[in-house]
Amino acid sequence: MRALVRERFSLDRLKIAVIGSVTPEELATLLDRTFGELPATSDLPIVPDVAVAGTGDVIVVDKNLPQSVVTFGHQGVKRSDPDYYAAYVVNYILGGGGMSSRLYEEVREKRGLAYSVYSYLNPLDHAALLVGGVATQNARVSESLEIIKAEWKRMAEEGPSAQDLADAKTFLTGSFPLRLSGSDRIAGMMLGMQIQGLGIDYLERRNSYIEAVTLEQAQRVAAELFKPEALTVVVVGRPENVTATRAAPDGSS
């Protein structure tokens, strides 16, 4: 444990966001007292970027449960990619928009197959993922997956409509201030801005990135991003009429 601390806890890796009634002078004293004894630098190995395999396999982890939990995904878009905001908007339309998304409408509203279904971009430091999930009764997993894959394919082939894009922009820009509704949320946002290298004026610029997404760009990015044939699915439970194409890591089929 001491070796881990020496290797990973260092001032050059430290990011801090503070929100509250404290002066810079008071804060400097507190931070020095708390973190001043950390080493100046760390000696971590270089981690290479990796691409997500996206094999399109279905993996079933056998668990005696009345409801199966499903996670699916493939390669996504890095936070630094010029098309990130277009991908963000398009994913909102497909599965990131909660009760207004296509997946929610098709899986829950029209068919009542699941209580919740979603997708989201997960841009990690060295890999970019597009991930989603659903949980439903074992007898309904197969149909749920068919609908999800069909919507994945429809987004790739058709992209969003002009109305889809307009509605997504209205929500994503209008709801953004709600993410700053408390000190903890503001601190989290400020920390994320540092980690992602977004710049101190990001809050002023953020909505302009959303507004700048054109329909042509959104449709192009949808065609490039969503690959139903690469969608890898992991099901935990005992789903009916779902055939595993790859063994689970623990050896169960």
C-alpha atoms as a PDB file:
ATOM      1  CA  MET A   1       0.000   0.000   0.000  1.00  0.00           C
ATOM      2  CA  ARG A   2       2.862   2.387   0.750  1.00  0.00           C
ATOM      3  CA  ALA A   3       4.425   1.621  -2.604  1.00  0.00           C
ATOM      4  CA  LEU A   4       1.114   2.379  -4.313  1.00  0.00           C
ATOM      5  CA  VAL A   5       0.901   5.740  -2.546  1.00  0.00           C
ATOM      6  CA  ARG A   6       4.498   6.615  -3.496  1.00  0.00           C
ATOM      7  CA  GLU A   7       3.860   5.649  -7.115  1.00  0.00           C
ATOM      8  CA  ARG A   8       0.509   7.318  -7.710  1.00  0.00           C
ATOM      9  CA  PHE A   9      -0.052  10.130  -5.209  1.00  0.00           C
ATOM     10  CA  SER A  10       1.888  13.179  -6.396  1.00  0.00           C
ATOM     11  CA  LEU A  11       1.426  16.901  -6.854  1.00  0.00           C
ATOM     12  CA  ASP A  12       1.813  16.763 -10.627  1.00  0.00           C
ATOM     13  CA  ARG A  13      -1.275  14.504 -10.856  1.00  0.00           C
ATOM     14  CA  LEU A  14      -3.393  16.371  -8.316  1.00  0.00           C
ATOM     15  CA  LYS A  15      -6.477  18.303  -9.466  1.00  0.00           C
ATOM     16  CA  ILE A  16      -8.477  20.338  -6.967  1.00  0.00           C
ATOM     17  CA  ALA A  17     -11.751  22.263  -7.221  1.00  0.00           C
ATOM     18  CA  VAL A  18     -13.013  24.263  -4.253  1.00  0.00           C
ATOM     19  CA  ILE A  19     -16.382  26.006  -3.995  1.00  0.00           C
ATOM     20  CA  GLY A  20     -17.314  28.000  -0.912  1.00  0.00           C
ATOM     21  CA  SER A  21     -16.653  30.974   1.313  1.00  0.00           C
ATOM     22  CA  VAL A  22     -12.878  30.805   1.494  1.00  0.00           C
ATOM     23  CA  THR A  23     -10.215  33.240   0.338  1.00  0.00           C
ATOM     24  CA  PRO A  24      -7.338  32.190  -1.915  1.00  0.00           C
ATOM     25  CA  GLU A  25      -4.922  32.835   0.949  1.00  0.00           C
ATOM     26  CA  GLU A  26      -6.879  30.668   3.383  1.00  0.00           C
ATOM     27  CA  LEU A  27      -7.232  27.951   0.794  1.00  0.00           C
ATOM     28  CA  ALA A  28      -3.527  27.952  -0.046  1.00  0.00           C
ATOM     29  CA  THR A  29      -2.686  27.340   3.625  1.00  0.00           C
ATOM     30  CA  LEU A  30      -5.194  24.502   3.892  1.00  0.00           C
ATOM     31  CA  LEU A  31      -4.018  22.847   0.685  1.00  0.00           C
ATOM     32  CA  ASP A  32      -0.353  23.081   1.687  1.00  0.00           C
ATOM     33  CA  ARG A  33      -1.158  21.575   5.078  1.00  0.00           C
ATOM     34  CA  THR A  34      -3.142  18.722   3.495  1.00  0.00           C
ATOM     35  CA  PHE A  35      -1.112  17.882   0.384  1.00  0.00           C
ATOM     36  CA  GLY A  36       2.267  19.581   0.892  1.00  0.00           C
ATOM     37  CA  GLU A  37       4.128  16.414   1.779  1.00  0.00           C
ATOM     38  CA  LEU A  38       3.204  14.613  -1.441  1.00  0.00           C
ATOM     39  CA  PRO A  39       6.116  14.074  -3.848  1.00  0.00           C
ATOM     40  CA  ALA A  40       6.376  16.605  -6.666  1.00  0.00           C
ATOM     41  CA  THR A  41       6.226  14.025  -9.450  1.00  0.00           C
ATOM     42  CA  SER A  42       5.229  10.424 -10.022  1.00  0.00           C
ATOM     43  CA  ASP A  43       6.831   7.693 -12.065  1.00  0.00           C
ATOM     44  CA  LEU A  44       3.938   5.918 -13.692  1.00  0.00           C
ATOM     45  CA  PRO A  45       4.293   3.651 -16.719  1.00  0.00           C
ATOM     46  CA  ILE A  46       2.974   4.951 -20.029  1.00  0.00           C
ATOM     47  CA  VAL A  47      -0.451   3.496 -20.836  1.00  0.00           C
ATOM     48  CA  PRO A  48      -1.101   3.109 -24.577  1.00  0.00           C
ATOM     49  CA  ASP A  49      -4.412   3.959 -26.182  1.00  0.00           C
ATOM     50  CA  VAL A  50      -6.497   0.941 -27.168  1.00  0.00           C
ATOM     51  CA  ALA A  51      -9.360   0.341 -29.577  1.00  0.00           C
ATOM     52  CA  VAL A  52     -12.439  -1.521 -28.402  1.00  0.00           C
ATOM     53  CA  ALA A  53     -12.693  -4.919 -30.073  1.00  0.00           C
ATOM     54  CA  GLY A  54     -16.394  -4.659 -30.903  1.00  0.00           C
ATOM     55  CA  THR A  55     -16.783  -8.304 -31.924  1.00  0.00           C
ATOM     56  CA  GLY A  56     -20.574  -8.314 -31.962  1.00  0.00           C
ATOM     57  CA  ASP A  57     -20.638 -11.330 -29.644  1.00  0.00           C
ATOM     58  CA  VAL A  58     -23.358 -12.192 -27.149  1.00  0.00           C
ATOM     59  CA  ILE A  59     -22.022 -13.345 -23.779  1.00  0.00           C
ATOM     60  CA  VAL A  60     -24.394 -14.847 -21.217  1.00  0.00           C
ATOM     61  CA  VAL A  61     -23.342 -15.067 -17.576  1.00  0.00           C
ATOM     62  CA  ASP A  62     -25.643 -17.637 -16.035  1.00  0.00           C
ATOM     63  CA  LYS A  63     -27.343 -16.457 -12.844  1.00  0.00           C
ATOM     64  CA  ASN A  64     -30.571 -17.844 -11.438  1.00  0.00           C
ATOM     65  CA  LEU A  65     -32.482 -14.565 -11.514  1.00  0.00           C
ATOM     66  CA  PRO A  66     -36.023 -13.742 -12.686  1.00  0.00           C
ATOM     67  CA  GLN A  67     -34.747 -10.636 -14.468  1.00  0.00           C
ATOM     68  CA  SER A  68     -31.693 -10.321 -16.692  1.00  0.00           C
ATOM     69  CA  VAL A  69     -29.400  -7.303 -16.708  1.00  0.00           C
ATOM     70  CA  VAL A  70     -27.937  -6.431 -20.103  1.00  0.00           C
ATOM     71  CA  THR A  71     -24.986  -4.214 -21.012  1.00  0.00           C
ATOM     72  CA  PHE A  72     -23.994  -3.570 -24.614  1.00  0.00           C
ATOM     73  CA  GLY A  73     -21.474  -1.415 -26.417  1.00  0.00           C
ATOM     74  CA  HIS A  74     -18.665  -0.878 -28.900  1.00  0.00           C
ATOM     75  CA  GLN A  75     -16.069   1.726 -29.887  1.00  0.00           C
ATOM     76  CA  GLY A  76     -17.050   5.306 -29.081  1.00  0.00           C
ATOM     77  CA  VAL A  77     -15.597   8.787 -29.537  1.00  0.00           C
ATOM     78  CA  LYS A  78     -12.814  10.426 -27.543  1.00  0.00           C
ATOM     79  CA  ARG A  79     -13.515  13.629 -25.657  1.00  0.00           C
ATOM     80  CA  SER A  80     -10.910  15.403 -27.776  1.00  0.00           C
ATOM     81  CA  ASP A  81     -12.404  14.247 -31.103  1.00  0.00           C
ATOM     82  CA  PRO A  82     -13.714  17.124 -33.287  1.00  0.00           C
ATOM     83  CA  ASP A  83     -16.940  15.138 -33.708  1.00  0.00           C
ATOM     84  CA  TYR A  84     -17.472  14.613 -29.976  1.00  0.00           C
ATOM     85  CA  TYR A  85     -20.323  17.095 -29.618  1.00  0.00           C
ATOM     86  CA  ALA A  86     -22.090  15.792 -32.710  1.00  0.00           C
ATOM     87  CA  ALA A  87     -21.797  12.273 -31.267  1.00  0.00           C
ATOM     88  CA  TYR A  88     -23.050  13.562 -27.916  1.00  0.00           C
ATOM     89  CA  VAL A  89     -26.148  15.066 -29.515  1.00  0.00           C
ATOM     90  CA  VAL A  90     -26.841  12.011 -31.686  1.00  0.00           C
ATOM     91  CA  ASN A  91     -26.504   9.651 -28.731  1.00  0.00           C
ATOM     92  CA  TYR A  92     -28.885  11.853 -26.757  1.00  0.00           C
ATOM     93  CA  ILE A  93     -31.460  11.280 -29.486  1.00  0.00           C
ATOM     94  CA  LEU A  94     -30.923   7.517 -29.552  1.00  0.00           C
ATOM     95  CA  GLY A  95     -30.609   6.606 -25.892  1.00  0.00           C
ATOM     96  CA  GLY A  96     -29.220   9.435 -23.793  1.00  0.00           C
ATOM     97  CA  GLY A  97     -32.360  11.499 -23.535  1.00  0.00           C
ATOM     98  CA  GLY A  98     -34.160   9.506 -20.878  1.00  0.00           C
ATOM     99  CA  MET A  99     -37.898   9.449 -21.569  1.00  0.00           C
ATOM    100  CA  SER A 100     -37.455  11.340 -24.851  1.00  0.00           C
ATOM    101  CA  SER A 101     -35.008   8.929 -26.496  1.00  0.00           C
ATOM    102  CA  ARG A 102     -35.780   6.534 -29.339  1.00  0.00           C
ATOM    103  CA  LEU A 103     -34.763   3.502 -27.298  1.00  0.00           C
ATOM    104  CA  TYR A 104     -37.064   4.507 -24.447  1.00  0.00           C
ATOM    105  CA  GLU A 105     -39.960   5.115 -26.808  1.00  0.00           C
ATOM    106  CA  GLU A 106     -39.564   1.816 -28.664  1.00  0.00           C
ATOM    107  CA  VAL A 107     -38.614  -0.469 -25.772  1.00  0.00           C
ATOM    108  CA  ARG A 108     -40.719   0.937 -22.942  1.00  0.00           C
ATOM    109  CA  GLU A 109     -43.416   3.242 -24.233  1.00  0.00           C
ATOM    110  CA  LYS A 110     -44.605   1.203 -27.226  1.00  0.00           C
ATOM    111  CA  ARG A 111     -43.961  -2.316 -25.946  1.00  0.00           C
ATOM    112  CA  GLY A 112     -43.481  -2.178 -22.181  1.00  0.00           C
ATOM    113  CA  LEU A 113     -40.477  -4.473 -22.395  1.00  0.00           C
ATOM    114  CA  ALA A 114     -38.375  -2.760 -19.728  1.00  0.00           C
ATOM    115  CA  TYR A 115     -38.581  -0.020 -17.141  1.00  0.00           C
ATOM    116  CA  SER A 116     -35.386   1.656 -18.324  1.00  0.00           C
ATOM    117  CA  VAL A 117     -33.141   1.541 -21.388  1.00  0.00           C
ATOM    118  CA  TYR A 118     -30.301   3.895 -22.204  1.00  0.00           C
ATOM    119  CA  SER A 119     -27.019   4.569 -23.993  1.00  0.00           C
ATOM    120  CA  TYR A 120     -24.146   6.941 -23.273  1.00  0.00           C
ATOM    121  CA  LEU A 121     -20.697   7.990 -24.438  1.00  0.00           C
ATOM    122  CA  ASN A 122     -17.902   6.916 -22.089  1.00  0.00           C
ATOM    123  CA  PRO A 123     -14.650   8.572 -23.227  1.00  0.00           C
ATOM    124  CA  LEU A 124     -11.973   7.090 -20.968  1.00  0.00           C
ATOM    125  CA  ASP A 125      -8.362   8.265 -20.855  1.00  0.00           C
ATOM    126  CA  HIS A 126      -7.101   5.589 -23.230  1.00  0.00           C
ATOM    127  CA  ALA A 127     -10.224   4.179 -24.858  1.00  0.00           C
ATOM    128  CA  ALA A 128     -13.557   5.508 -26.055  1.00  0.00           C
ATOM    129  CA  LEU A 129     -16.757   3.565 -25.498  1.00  0.00           C
ATOM    130  CA  LEU A 130     -20.370   3.829 -26.558  1.00  0.00           C
ATOM    131  CA  VAL A 131     -22.288   1.826 -23.968  1.00  0.00           C
ATOM    132  CA  GLY A 132     -25.899   1.085 -23.106  1.00  0.00           C
ATOM    133  CA  GLY A 133     -28.027  -1.071 -20.896  1.00  0.00           C
ATOM    134  CA  VAL A 134     -31.432  -2.540 -20.204  1.00  0.00           C
ATOM    135  CA  ALA A 135     -32.924  -4.842 -17.569  1.00  0.00           C
ATOM    136  CA  THR A 136     -36.023  -6.930 -18.127  1.00  0.00           C
ATOM    137  CA  GLN A 137     -37.705 -10.272 -17.472  1.00  0.00           C
ATOM    138  CA  ASN A 138     -35.861 -13.280 -18.863  1.00  0.00           C
ATOM    139  CA  ALA A 139     -38.640 -13.926 -21.365  1.00  0.00           C
ATOM    140  CA  ARG A 140     -38.338 -10.373 -22.742  1.00  0.00           C
ATOM    141  CA  VAL A 141     -34.577 -10.060 -23.198  1.00  0.00           C
ATOM    142  CA  SER A 142     -34.516 -11.405 -26.736  1.00  0.00           C
ATOM    143  CA  GLU A 143     -37.186  -9.030 -28.016  1.00  0.00           C
ATOM    144  CA  SER A 144     -35.622  -6.097 -26.199  1.00  0.00           C
ATOM    145  CA  LEU A 145     -32.271  -6.775 -27.864  1.00  0.00           C
ATOM    146  CA  GLU A 146     -33.901  -7.059 -31.276  1.00  0.00           C
ATOM    147  CA  ILE A 147     -35.502  -3.628 -30.861  1.00  0.00           C
ATOM    148  CA  ILE A 148     -32.283  -2.050 -29.546  1.00  0.00           C
ATOM    149  CA  LYS A 149     -30.261  -3.396 -32.463  1.00  0.00           C
ATOM    150  CA  ALA A 150     -32.921  -2.266 -34.926  1.00  0.00           C
ATOM    151  CA  GLU A 151     -32.801   1.273 -33.521  1.00  0.00           C
ATOM    152  CA  TRP A 152     -28.996   1.175 -33.539  1.00  0.00           C
ATOM    153  CA  LYS A 153     -29.146   0.270 -37.225  1.00  0.00           C
ATOM    154  CA  ARG A 154     -31.820   2.855 -38.022  1.00  0.00           C
ATOM    155  CA  MET A 155     -29.715   5.605 -36.470  1.00  0.00           C
ATOM    156  CA  ALA A 156     -26.703   4.493 -38.510  1.00  0.00           C
ATOM    157  CA  GLU A 157     -28.658   4.364 -41.765  1.00  0.00           C
ATOM    158  CA  GLU A 158     -30.966   7.360 -41.400  1.00  0.00           C
ATOM    159  CA  GLY A 159     -29.399   9.519 -38.707  1.00  0.00           C
ATOM    160  CA  PRO A 160     -31.478  12.069 -36.817  1.00  0.00           C
ATOM    161  CA  SER A 161     -34.147  14.205 -38.452  1.00  0.00           C
ATOM    162  CA  ALA A 162     -34.030  17.986 -38.461  1.00  0.00           C
ATOM    163  CA  GLN A 163     -36.700  18.015 -35.733  1.00  0.00           C
ATOM    164  CA  ASP A 164     -34.746  15.475 -33.664  1.00  0.00           C
ATOM    165  CA  LEU A 165     -31.688  17.703 -33.834  1.00  0.00           C
ATOM    166  CA  ALA A 166     -33.585  20.882 -32.998  1.00  0.00           C
ATOM    167  CA  ASP A 167     -35.290  19.274 -29.998  1.00  0.00           C
ATOM    168  CA  ALA A 168     -32.009  17.816 -28.727  1.00  0.00           C
ATOM    169  CA  LYS A 169     -30.251  21.178 -28.975  1.00  0.00           C
ATOM    170  CA  THR A 170     -33.069  22.917 -27.113  1.00  0.00           C
ATOM    171  CA  PHE A 171     -32.925  20.440 -24.242  1.00  0.00           C
ATOM    172  CA  LEU A 172     -29.134  20.106 -24.010  1.00  0.00           C
ATOM    173  CA  THR A 173     -28.532  23.847 -23.957  1.00  0.00           C
ATOM    174  CA  GLY A 174     -31.533  24.770 -21.835  1.00  0.00           C
ATOM    175  CA  SER A 175     -30.947  22.134 -19.169  1.00  0.00           C
ATOM    176  CA  PHE A 176     -27.210  22.765 -18.817  1.00  0.00           C
ATOM    177  CA  PRO A 177     -27.548  25.338 -15.977  1.00  0.00           C
ATOM    178  CA  LEU A 178     -29.297  22.664 -13.887  1.00  0.00           C
ATOM    179  CA  ARG A 179     -25.962  20.858 -13.697  1.00  0.00           C
ATOM    180  CA  LEU A 180     -24.699  23.816 -11.644  1.00  0.00           C
ATOM    181  CA  SER A 181     -27.517  23.857  -9.107  1.00  0.00           C
ATOM    182  CA  GLY A 182     -25.397  23.239  -5.987  1.00  0.00           C
ATOM    183  CA  SER A 183     -21.893  23.643  -4.626  1.00  0.00           C
ATOM    184  CA  ASP A 184     -21.102  19.951  -5.015  1.00  0.00           C
ATOM    185  CA  ARG A 185     -22.201  20.003  -8.656  1.00  0.00           C
ATOM    186  CA  ILE A 186     -20.207  23.152  -9.395  1.00  0.00           C
ATOM    187  CA  ALA A 187     -17.111  21.647  -7.770  1.00  0.00           C
ATOM    188  CA  GLY A 188     -17.554  18.456  -9.797  1.00  0.00           C
ATOM    189  CA  MET A 189     -17.906  20.446 -12.991  1.00  0.00           C
ATOM    190  CA  MET A 190     -14.791  22.514 -12.214  1.00  0.00           C
ATOM    191  CA  LEU A 191     -12.824  19.362 -11.486  1.00  0.00           C
ATOM    192  CA  GLY A 192     -13.978  17.732 -14.713  1.00  0.00           C
ATOM    193  CA  MET A 193     -12.973  20.819 -16.674  1.00  0.00           C
ATOM    194  CA  GLN A 194      -9.445  20.482 -15.297  1.00  0.00           C
ATOM    195  CA  ILE A 195      -9.179  16.754 -15.905  1.00  0.00           C
ATOM    196  CA  GLN A 196     -10.430  17.100 -19.487  1.00  0.00           C
ATOM    197  CA  GLY A 197      -8.359  20.229 -20.190  1.00  0.00           C
ATOM    198  CA  LEU A 198     -11.431  22.175 -21.296  1.00  0.00           C
ATOM    199  CA  GLY A 199     -10.214  25.614 -20.245  1.00  0.00           C
ATOM    200  CA  ILE A 200     -11.438  27.965 -17.547  1.00  0.00           C
ATOM    201  CA  ASP A 201     -13.990  29.578 -19.879  1.00  0.00           C
ATOM    202  CA  TYR A 202     -15.628  26.265 -20.842  1.00  0.00           C
ATOM    203  CA  LEU A 203     -18.916  27.130 -19.113  1.00  0.00           C
ATOM    204  CA  GLU A 204     -19.274  30.155 -21.376  1.00  0.00           C
ATOM    205  CA  ARG A 205     -18.417  28.179 -24.526  1.00  0.00           C
ATOM    206  CA  ARG A 206     -20.138  24.857 -23.928  1.00  0.00           C
ATOM    207  CA  ASN A 207     -23.580  25.616 -25.375  1.00  0.00           C
ATOM    208  CA  SER A 208     -22.039  27.068 -28.532  1.00  0.00           C
ATOM    209  CA  TYR A 209     -20.512  23.648 -29.257  1.00  0.00           C
ATOM    210  CA  ILE A 210     -23.971  22.067 -29.118  1.00  0.00           C
ATOM    211  CA  GLU A 211     -25.519  24.787 -31.285  1.00  0.00           C
ATOM    212  CA  ALA A 212     -22.755  24.400 -33.881  1.00  0.00           C
ATOM    213  CA  VAL A 213     -23.718  20.793 -34.709  1.00  0.00           C
ATOM    214  CA  THR A 214     -25.308  20.730 -38.158  1.00  0.00           C
ATOM    215  CA  LEU A 215     -27.771  18.167 -39.479  1.00  0.00           C
ATOM    216  CA  GLU A 216     -25.226  17.071 -42.094  1.00  0.00           C
ATOM    217  CA  GLN A 217     -22.574  16.542 -39.425  1.00  0.00           C
ATOM    218  CA  ALA A 218     -24.986  14.716 -37.120  1.00  0.00           C
ATOM    219  CA  GLN A 219     -26.046  12.326 -39.883  1.00  0.00           C
ATOM    220  CA  ARG A 220     -22.441  11.670 -40.923  1.00  0.00           C
ATOM    221  CA  VAL A 221     -21.359  10.993 -37.346  1.00  0.00           C
ATOM    222  CA  ALA A 222     -24.357   8.712 -36.782  1.00  0.00           C
ATOM    223  CA  ALA A 223     -23.337   6.628 -39.802  1.00  0.00           C
ATOM    224  CA  GLU A 224     -19.745   6.418 -38.566  1.00  0.00           C
ATOM    225  CA  LEU A 225     -20.451   5.869 -34.878  1.00  0.00           C
ATOM    226  CA  PHE A 226     -23.293   3.351 -34.666  1.00  0.00           C
ATOM    227  CA  LYS A 227     -22.284  -0.132 -35.803  1.00  0.00           C
ATOM    228  CA  PRO A 228     -24.934  -2.735 -34.968  1.00  0.00           C
ATOM    229  CA  GLU A 229     -22.750  -5.555 -36.273  1.00  0.00           C
ATOM    230  CA  ALA A 230     -20.041  -4.611 -33.741  1.00  0.00           C
ATOM    231  CA  LEU A 231     -22.391  -4.292 -30.760  1.00  0.00           C
ATOM    232  CA  THR A 232     -21.117  -6.648 -28.066  1.00  0.00           C
ATOM    233  CA  VAL A 233     -23.765  -7.759 -25.574  1.00  0.00           C
ATOM    234  CA  VAL A 234     -23.337  -9.162 -22.066  1.00  0.00           C
ATOM    235  CA  VAL A 235     -26.400 -10.641 -20.356  1.00  0.00           C
ATOM    236  CA  VAL A 236     -26.406 -11.618 -16.684  1.00  0.00           C
ATOM    237  CA  GLY A 237     -29.328 -13.892 -15.872  1.00  0.00           C
ATOM    238  CA  ARG A 238     -31.155 -16.709 -17.628  1.00  0.00           C
ATOM    239  CA  PRO A 239     -32.592 -15.081 -20.737  1.00  0.00           C
ATOM    240  CA  GLU A 240     -34.926 -17.116 -22.909  1.00  0.00           C
ATOM    241  CA  ASN A 241     -34.215 -17.537 -26.639  1.00  0.00           C
ATOM    242  CA  VAL A 242     -30.833 -15.795 -26.388  1.00  0.00           C
ATOM    243  CA  THR A 243     -27.922 -17.789 -27.786  1.00  0.00           C
ATOM    244  CA  ALA A 244     -24.440 -17.007 -26.513  1.00  0.00           C
ATOM    245  CA  THR A 245     -21.822 -16.735 -29.239  1.00  0.00           C
ATOM    246  CA  ARG A 246     -18.896 -16.540 -26.811  1.00  0.00           C
ATOM    247  CA  ALA A 247     -18.310 -18.138 -23.446  1.00  0.00           C
ATOM    248  CA  ALA A 248     -18.429 -15.966 -20.352  1.00  0.00           C
ATOM    249  CA  PRO A 249     -15.104 -15.329 -18.587  1.00  0.00           C
ATOM    250  CA  ASP A 250     -16.045 -17.706 -15.767  1.00  0.00           C
ATOM    251  CA  GLY A 251     -16.694 -20.502 -18.227  1.00  0.00           C
ATOM    252  CA  SER A 252     -20.501 -20.398 -18.073  1.00  0.00           C
ATOM    253  CA  SER A 253     -22.313 -20.306 -21.390  1.00  0.00           C
END
